[in-house]
Protein backbone atom coordinates (compact mmCIF):
# COMPACT_ATOMS: atom_id res chain seq x y z
CA MET A 1 15.83 240.33 21.54
CA THR A 2 17.82 237.02 21.66
CA ARG A 3 21.50 236.91 21.36
CA PRO A 4 22.92 233.44 20.43
CA PHE A 5 26.38 232.31 21.15
CA SER A 6 28.27 229.75 19.24
CA GLY A 7 31.79 229.30 17.86
CA THR A 8 35.04 229.77 19.52
CA PHE A 9 36.25 232.50 21.86
CA ARG A 10 39.24 233.45 23.87
CA PHE A 11 39.39 233.10 27.66
CA ALA A 12 39.99 236.51 29.33
CA ILE A 13 41.16 237.39 32.90
CA VAL A 14 38.74 239.58 34.88
CA ALA A 15 39.94 241.92 37.54
CA ALA A 16 37.09 243.96 39.07
CA VAL A 17 36.25 245.19 42.51
CA VAL A 18 32.67 246.16 43.14
CA ALA A 19 31.40 246.77 46.70
CA GLY A 20 27.90 245.94 47.52
CA SER A 21 25.53 243.73 49.54
CA ILE A 22 22.24 244.19 51.43
CA ILE A 23 20.40 243.35 54.49
CA LEU A 24 16.63 243.51 55.20
CA GLY A 25 15.46 243.94 58.67
CA THR A 26 16.98 243.21 62.04
CA THR A 27 15.43 239.82 62.72
CA ALA A 28 16.77 236.30 61.88
CA THR A 29 15.15 234.69 58.79
CA ARG A 30 14.89 231.05 58.18
CA LEU A 31 16.48 229.24 55.30
CA ASP A 32 13.18 227.46 54.47
CA GLY A 33 11.94 230.00 51.92
CA GLN A 34 10.15 232.31 54.35
CA THR A 35 10.07 236.03 53.39
CA PRO A 36 12.42 238.15 55.49
CA GLN A 37 10.67 240.47 57.90
CA THR A 38 11.33 244.19 58.37
CA SER A 39 10.29 246.50 61.11
CA PRO A 40 8.45 249.73 60.40
CA GLY A 41 11.57 251.59 61.54
CA ASP A 42 13.62 249.69 58.99
CA GLN A 43 11.18 250.48 56.21
CA ALA A 44 11.38 254.21 56.97
CA ALA A 45 15.17 254.33 57.18
CA PRO A 46 16.85 256.17 54.40
CA ARG A 47 18.93 254.20 51.92
CA GLN A 48 22.59 254.07 52.98
CA VAL A 49 25.15 253.65 50.22
CA PRO A 50 28.63 252.33 50.88
CA SER A 51 31.43 254.81 50.01
CA PHE A 52 32.46 254.49 46.43
CA ARG A 53 36.23 254.96 45.70
CA ALA A 54 37.54 254.25 42.25
CA GLY A 55 41.07 253.11 41.80
CA ILE A 56 41.49 251.94 45.43
CA ASP A 57 42.21 248.15 46.07
CA VAL A 58 39.35 247.37 48.34
CA VAL A 59 38.54 243.68 48.84
CA SER A 60 34.73 243.47 49.02
CA LEU A 61 32.99 240.42 50.41
CA ASN A 62 29.25 239.58 50.23
CA VAL A 63 28.82 237.64 53.50
CA THR A 64 25.84 235.44 54.52
CA VAL A 65 25.64 234.51 58.25
CA THR A 66 23.44 231.81 59.73
CA ASP A 67 23.05 230.42 63.18
CA GLY A 68 22.90 226.95 64.60
CA THR A 69 19.23 226.54 63.53
CA ALA A 70 19.88 227.47 59.90
CA ARG A 71 18.43 230.99 60.29
CA TYR A 72 19.87 234.16 58.68
CA LEU A 73 21.40 236.49 61.27
CA THR A 74 20.73 240.04 60.09
CA ASP A 75 21.30 242.12 63.30
CA LEU A 76 25.15 242.00 63.38
CA GLN A 77 27.43 245.12 63.55
CA ASP A 78 30.85 245.70 61.93
CA ASN A 79 32.65 244.93 65.13
CA ASP A 80 31.08 241.43 65.10
CA PHE A 81 33.13 240.48 62.02
CA SER A 82 36.74 239.41 61.84
CA VAL A 83 38.38 239.00 58.41
CA PHE A 84 41.64 236.96 57.86
CA GLU A 85 43.65 236.93 54.65
CA ASP A 86 46.16 234.15 54.45
CA GLY A 87 45.86 233.90 58.27
CA VAL A 88 46.58 237.51 58.94
CA LYS A 89 43.86 239.65 60.52
CA GLN A 90 42.67 242.55 58.48
CA ASP A 91 41.01 245.92 59.44
CA VAL A 92 37.39 246.09 58.26
CA THR A 93 37.12 249.44 56.49
CA LEU A 94 33.74 248.88 54.69
CA PHE A 95 30.56 247.54 56.25
CA SER A 96 27.08 247.76 54.87
CA ARG A 97 23.63 246.32 55.52
CA THR A 98 22.10 248.49 52.79
CA ASN A 99 19.44 247.20 50.41
CA LEU A 100 21.59 247.60 47.31
CA PRO A 101 20.34 246.79 43.84
CA ILE A 102 21.44 243.62 42.19
CA ALA A 103 22.49 242.56 38.71
CA LEU A 104 21.39 238.87 38.12
CA ALA A 105 21.82 236.35 35.43
CA ILE A 106 19.15 233.56 35.39
CA LEU A 107 20.46 230.49 33.44
CA LEU A 108 18.17 227.68 32.32
CA ASP A 109 19.19 224.27 31.13
CA THR A 110 17.09 223.61 28.01
CA SER A 111 18.82 220.41 26.84
CA ALA A 112 16.64 217.42 25.63
CA SER A 113 16.63 215.83 29.07
CA MET A 114 14.71 218.85 30.43
CA GLU A 115 11.82 218.33 28.11
CA THR A 116 9.25 216.99 30.65
CA LYS A 117 10.69 219.15 33.54
CA LEU A 118 10.80 222.45 31.67
CA PRO A 119 7.20 223.71 32.31
CA VAL A 120 7.58 223.52 36.09
CA ALA A 121 11.15 225.03 35.77
CA GLN A 122 9.74 227.86 33.79
CA GLU A 123 7.10 228.63 36.34
CA ALA A 124 9.55 228.49 39.31
CA ALA A 125 12.03 230.77 37.46
CA ALA A 126 9.18 233.26 36.45
CA GLY A 127 8.19 233.40 40.15
CA PHE A 128 11.82 234.24 41.14
CA ALA A 129 11.92 237.00 38.46
CA ARG A 130 8.75 238.53 39.80
CA ARG A 131 10.34 238.90 43.23
CA LEU A 132 12.99 241.30 41.84
CA ARG A 133 12.63 245.05 42.65
CA LYS A 134 12.31 247.78 40.17
CA GLN A 135 15.98 248.92 40.87
CA ASP A 136 17.31 245.38 40.18
CA LEU A 137 18.37 244.09 36.70
CA ALA A 138 18.24 240.52 35.28
CA GLU A 139 19.05 238.77 32.08
CA ILE A 140 17.66 235.43 30.97
CA VAL A 141 20.03 232.94 29.40
CA SER A 142 19.19 229.48 28.01
CA PHE A 143 21.76 226.79 27.31
CA ASP A 144 21.68 223.50 25.42
CA SER A 145 24.02 222.90 22.42
CA ARG A 146 24.14 226.71 22.23
CA VAL A 147 23.91 229.58 24.68
CA ILE A 148 21.20 232.14 23.93
CA VAL A 149 20.68 235.43 25.73
CA LEU A 150 16.89 235.41 25.45
CA GLN A 151 16.60 238.73 27.33
CA SER A 152 19.38 241.25 27.98
CA PHE A 153 19.46 243.01 31.34
CA SER A 154 16.02 244.40 32.17
CA ASN A 155 14.01 245.53 35.17
CA ILE A 156 10.60 244.88 33.52
CA PRO A 157 9.07 241.73 34.89
CA GLY A 158 6.93 241.06 31.88
CA GLU A 159 9.96 241.01 29.54
CA LEU A 160 11.76 238.67 31.91
CA GLU A 161 8.83 236.28 32.29
CA GLN A 162 8.21 236.27 28.55
CA ALA A 163 11.77 235.26 27.85
CA ILE A 164 11.65 232.48 30.40
CA ARG A 165 8.47 231.05 28.78
CA LYS A 166 10.04 231.12 25.32
CA THR A 167 12.48 228.41 26.28
CA SER A 168 12.18 224.89 24.64
CA ALA A 169 14.06 221.77 25.21
CA GLY A 170 16.49 220.11 22.77
CA GLY A 171 20.09 219.37 22.19
CA SER A 172 23.06 218.74 24.54
CA THR A 173 24.37 220.73 27.56
CA SER A 174 26.93 223.52 27.34
CA LEU A 175 26.95 224.62 31.00
CA ASN A 176 30.41 226.06 31.13
CA ASN A 177 29.83 228.15 28.03
CA ALA A 178 26.65 229.56 29.72
CA VAL A 179 28.40 230.55 32.91
CA TYR A 180 31.25 232.13 30.95
CA ILE A 181 28.76 234.29 28.96
CA ALA A 182 26.93 235.28 31.98
CA LEU A 183 30.10 236.35 33.82
CA LYS A 184 31.26 238.37 30.78
CA ASP A 185 27.88 240.07 30.54
CA LEU A 186 27.93 240.95 34.29
CA LYS A 187 31.44 242.33 33.84
CA LYS A 188 30.05 244.98 31.55
CA ILE A 189 27.85 246.40 34.36
CA VAL A 190 30.43 248.81 35.85
CA ALA A 191 29.62 251.28 38.67
CA LYS A 192 30.66 254.83 37.88
CA SER A 193 29.11 256.31 41.04
CA ALA A 194 27.81 255.08 44.49
CA ASP A 195 24.16 255.02 43.07
CA GLU A 196 25.26 252.50 40.41
CA VAL A 197 26.92 250.02 42.76
CA ARG A 198 25.23 246.53 42.28
CA ARG A 199 25.83 243.22 43.77
CA GLN A 200 26.18 240.51 41.08
CA ALA A 201 24.85 236.92 41.07
CA ILE A 202 24.18 233.97 38.79
CA VAL A 203 21.35 231.51 39.37
CA LEU A 204 21.92 228.33 37.45
CA LEU A 205 19.47 225.40 36.83
CA SER A 206 20.60 222.19 35.26
CA ASP A 207 19.77 218.50 35.43
CA GLY A 208 23.00 216.95 34.13
CA GLU A 209 26.65 217.15 33.21
CA ASP A 210 28.28 219.39 30.65
CA THR A 211 28.52 217.53 27.31
CA SER A 212 29.26 220.19 24.69
CA SER A 213 31.04 223.26 26.09
CA LEU A 214 34.05 224.71 24.31
CA LEU A 215 35.72 225.80 27.55
CA PRO A 216 36.83 223.35 30.26
CA PHE A 217 35.39 223.67 33.73
CA GLU A 218 38.75 224.76 35.31
CA GLU A 219 39.04 227.83 33.09
CA VAL A 220 35.49 228.95 33.76
CA LEU A 221 35.89 228.44 37.47
CA ASP A 222 39.14 230.49 37.42
CA LEU A 223 37.08 233.32 35.75
CA ALA A 224 34.47 233.05 38.37
CA LYS A 225 37.01 233.33 41.11
CA ARG A 226 38.28 236.51 39.50
CA SER A 227 34.88 238.07 39.42
CA GLU A 228 32.68 239.56 42.17
CA THR A 229 29.80 237.32 41.31
CA GLY A 230 28.19 234.79 43.64
CA ILE A 231 26.95 231.72 41.81
CA TYR A 232 23.86 229.85 43.10
CA THR A 233 23.33 226.41 41.44
CA ILE A 234 20.25 224.23 41.34
CA GLY A 235 20.75 220.50 40.37
CA LEU A 236 17.82 218.50 39.44
CA LYS A 237 18.25 214.88 40.52
CA VAL A 238 14.92 213.67 39.16
CA ASP A 239 16.17 211.21 36.53
CA GLU A 240 17.15 208.09 38.50
CA GLU A 241 18.21 205.92 35.50
CA PRO A 242 21.61 204.18 36.17
CA SER A 243 23.03 205.52 32.97
CA SER A 244 22.65 209.07 34.22
CA ALA A 245 24.00 208.48 37.67
CA ARG A 246 27.69 209.02 36.87
CA GLY A 247 27.05 212.04 34.73
CA PHE A 248 25.02 213.71 37.55
CA LYS A 249 27.86 213.01 40.04
CA GLU A 250 30.17 215.03 37.74
CA ALA A 251 27.61 217.75 37.44
CA GLU A 252 27.12 217.85 41.16
CA PHE A 253 30.89 218.43 41.70
CA VAL A 254 30.87 221.17 39.17
CA MET A 255 27.92 222.89 40.78
CA ARG A 256 29.24 222.63 44.32
CA GLN A 257 32.58 224.09 43.23
CA PHE A 258 31.05 227.07 41.45
CA ALA A 259 28.99 227.80 44.53
CA GLN A 260 31.61 227.25 47.16
CA GLU A 261 34.44 229.18 45.56
CA THR A 262 32.25 232.27 44.89
CA GLY A 263 30.31 232.40 48.13
CA GLY A 264 27.02 231.20 46.61
CA ARG A 265 25.11 228.04 47.54
CA ALA A 266 24.34 224.68 45.83
CA PHE A 267 20.90 223.15 45.94
CA PHE A 268 19.84 219.78 44.83
CA ALA A 269 16.25 218.75 44.20
CA THR A 270 14.97 215.25 44.04
CA HIS A 271 11.58 216.38 42.80
CA ILE A 272 10.64 219.06 40.38
CA SER A 273 8.08 220.44 42.82
CA GLU A 274 10.88 221.66 45.03
CA LEU A 275 12.09 224.29 42.60
CA ALA A 276 9.75 227.17 43.66
CA ASN A 277 10.87 226.76 47.28
CA ILE A 278 14.54 226.69 46.25
CA TYR A 279 14.33 229.85 44.12
CA GLY A 280 12.48 231.45 47.10
CA GLN A 281 15.44 230.51 49.42
CA ILE A 282 17.92 232.07 46.91
CA SER A 283 15.87 235.24 46.84
CA ASP A 284 15.71 235.37 50.67
CA GLU A 285 19.51 234.85 50.92
CA LEU A 286 20.22 237.66 48.48
CA SER A 287 18.13 239.92 50.72
CA SER A 288 19.97 238.90 53.95
CA GLN A 289 23.66 239.56 53.17
CA TYR A 290 26.30 241.97 54.57
CA THR A 291 29.10 243.71 52.70
CA VAL A 292 32.36 243.51 54.49
CA GLY A 293 35.44 245.20 52.92
CA TYR A 294 38.94 245.79 53.83
CA THR A 295 42.32 247.02 52.23
CA SER A 296 44.85 244.17 52.31
CA ARG A 297 47.88 244.40 54.65
CA ASN A 298 49.81 242.52 51.92
CA PRO A 299 51.30 245.16 49.65
CA ARG A 300 52.57 242.78 47.02
CA ARG A 301 50.97 243.10 43.63
CA ASP A 302 51.91 239.64 42.36
CA GLY A 303 48.63 238.19 41.10
CA ALA A 304 48.70 235.39 43.67
CA TRP A 305 45.73 233.64 45.07
CA ARG A 306 44.88 234.82 48.70
CA ARG A 307 42.64 232.82 50.98
CA VAL A 308 40.05 234.66 52.89
CA VAL A 309 38.14 233.61 55.99
CA VAL A 310 35.35 235.50 57.82
CA ARG A 311 34.51 234.85 61.35
CA VAL A 312 31.66 236.21 63.41
CA ASP A 313 31.65 236.91 67.13
CA ARG A 314 28.25 235.26 67.91
CA PRO A 315 27.83 231.69 69.38
CA ASN A 316 27.15 229.08 66.70
CA ALA A 317 27.14 231.66 63.91
CA VAL A 318 28.66 230.64 60.52
CA ALA A 319 29.84 233.10 57.96
CA ARG A 320 29.89 232.11 54.25
CA THR A 321 31.58 234.22 51.61
CA LYS A 322 33.96 233.55 48.60
CA GLN A 323 37.00 231.50 49.29
CA GLY A 324 39.49 234.20 48.24
CA TYR A 325 40.65 236.40 45.47
CA PHE A 326 43.61 236.98 43.16
CA ALA A 327 45.95 239.85 44.19
CA PRO A 328 46.23 242.78 41.77
CA VAL A 329 49.14 242.76 39.36
CA ALA A 330 51.62 245.64 39.05
CA PRO A 331 51.44 247.43 35.70
CA ARG A 332 54.14 246.60 33.20
CA GLN A 333 56.77 249.18 32.74
CA ALA A 334 56.96 250.76 29.30
CA PRO A 335 60.05 249.62 27.39
């Protein structure tokens, strides 16, 4: 069932904290698209779920760690991590390497410029959807002049693949609108118990700048920063016509910002054949993350932006997560 979006809408502030991330295996996995390896002991280990506490201000971070050779480090312990908020070291109170489910929005640019690229893009996205597990959920969203939810959240591979292959090219590009709709849809997936905790991510494919969104980039980026969603962007730099060069530079900036601020990653392909490998790398990264959480030492409930930095006590290790979060706001006193 498709759900089109058009017309005006009001920007809303999101304030949600959901703990969750996963890790597969205890070996390092390369960033070149290879499948993470697990030992027999890991496969037999029971599923561990992070403690779920409603109503407590826990800052939850999905953290990806790589070494100097661009491999995922998946054998770290909680005491290997140091978290700093506005320069002040925090006490890590939540740590998980559990293979938690994921809620995922797959966004496909179907503007007119994608016409010749769409068949290969469909195949790569379908392959990515097939790698999801039965406990995962994904929705399929196409965007051109309009944003259309082709498939609401489902864990049935056939439904997801059918929606991907229904896409057709035409119209302009409303990238910001698409990200906004995906963030709002993901917000609706609320954990009521530990078994329902899901990581959240958006995987976005586009070949050019936004030309028709109702919302400006800055407002959608602010919404993304207020969410618990990692955004992974894939930019297609296949069209080398001079007229498109400036537009893609603007698109590249937007994609990098979405990824950097939310702890995701930006990819740029110069050939359409690279897409399958890129989707594979994103799948591997989502299977190689940690959850690191803490309760802030800063008691102020002022809604201010707080910068977060994660460091790892391992030579040449680099940790990547979202850049920060907005502090909670004290409830208004009744008149």
